[in-house]
Amino acid sequence: MKRLIALMGCTLALSGLIGCAVNPVTGKNQFSLVSAEDEVSIGSQNYGPSQQSQGGRYVVDPELSVYVNQVGQKLAAVSDRPQLPYEFVVLNNGVPNAWALPGGKLAINRGLLVELKDESQLAAVLGHEITHAAARHGALQQTQNILVNTGVMVAGVAAATQDSEYAGLAVGAVGVGANAWMSKYSRSHELESDKYGIEYMIRAGYDPMGAVELQETFVKLSEGRQSNWLDGLFASHPPSQERVAANRIMAQAHPGGVRNKAAFERATAQLRKDQAAYAQYDKALAAASNKKYADAMSLVDSAIKQQPKENLFWELKGKLLLQEDKKDEAISALTKAVQANPEYVVPYVYRGIAYQQTGKNAQAEKDLITAQQLLPTQLATYYLGEVSLAQGKRSEAAKYFQQAAQGGGELGNAAKSKLASLGIQ
């Protein structure tokens, strides 16, 4: 049945969307509902929101991102689609993961960088992700999803490409981000990305044994069933001995190449130095989730003492102070989080809430609108309704509460109650 659908798609045009094309990497014919031009547009539109929803950019040591981008661009230049507008960023997220959006927009988490040993292993990660973008794997995966679940993904794509800043609010934040586009790659896509990623490594002068070692590490960690790994990279890139063996055959056929261990160690020195602080932060998050707020505060203060430039530490401190009803102190901590990374959404949301709760509605409105411009969320939308209500703007408040109600859950029910109080069903 799937084969019949594909054959029909190659001979017919359905609203100008269906067609066959040649895979730029493998040279094989493939069936896709997403054009190459749309890939670039989709990647660009989802890149910022995808970063925001996963911790934002790592900013403590900006030179690390410069270094990762240099390595990525070196590999992209020798790929089969060097003309794509490639970008590489380091995300401020402790989960070991990396991903690629359609059109060449890539990211790697700081949590994965600290597990790597040298530049060749970094090149293996980035080469693999570049292949996902170059071979159009994200678009192909979603084409399959659309064929199986007609309308579901189409609606998501439509939401993600709307001009409305509240597109996709009903599903949590924004329409289609990194998780949706990479979902779970097929076995063939993973093996293809391993193969051509290694080829890009070789073309760029790297030792392909880095890719073998990387997969060996992943297999070992997956066997240990470390939950943070299973929630990250392994969810979309499952490791296997088959992949290790295939990588080894390629590497042994192309011995040599650079490892650049010293350069990698210099570039990641600050990140590695701060691992103790991030460990304290992770413990603080766990304590807070168990409502052990005093313990969480002590742990996050310890993390701040070790690395005062980390915006996530100040953000958590601000949230904890808000939990303790210490609103002025919370505003101070959240302001330090904003100052540390002015381009990250979460501190603006919580500082906006703190301002609203202290009656500083003008400041609250400014923060919440800034947050919505970075990443539309149900939480900021709801509190914009509260601010508008306090300012006597009933119709504007109703609009915000209606939007927040679409998100469902506890906050959605609170928004519905506000609408009922305004006489709106």
Foldseek 3Di string as FASTA:
>chain_A
DVVVVLVVLCVDADVNQWHWDAQLAPRHIDIFRADLVNQQVLCVLFLLQQLQVAAHADQLQVVLLVVLQVLLLLLLCPGSCVVFPAHETEHAHLQAAKAAGARHYIYGYLNVLVVAQFVLLSLLVSQLRSLCRSRVQLRRVVRVVCVVVPPPVVQLSVLSPDPDLLRPQQVFWGRDHGCNSLVAGDPVSLLRSNVRSLVSCVVSFAQLVSNLVNLVVLVVVVVVVPPSNCVHHCRRRPGDVVSSVVSVVVNVVRGHGDGRSVVSCVSCVVVVQLVVLVVLQVVLVVCVVVVVLVSSLVSLVVSCVSPVLALVSLQVNLVSCVVVVVLVVSLVSLVSSCVSPVLHQRSLLSNLVSCVVVVNLVSSLVSLVSNSVSIGGLSSLQVNLVSCVVVVNNVSSLVSLVSSLSNDDPSVVVSVVVCVVVVHD
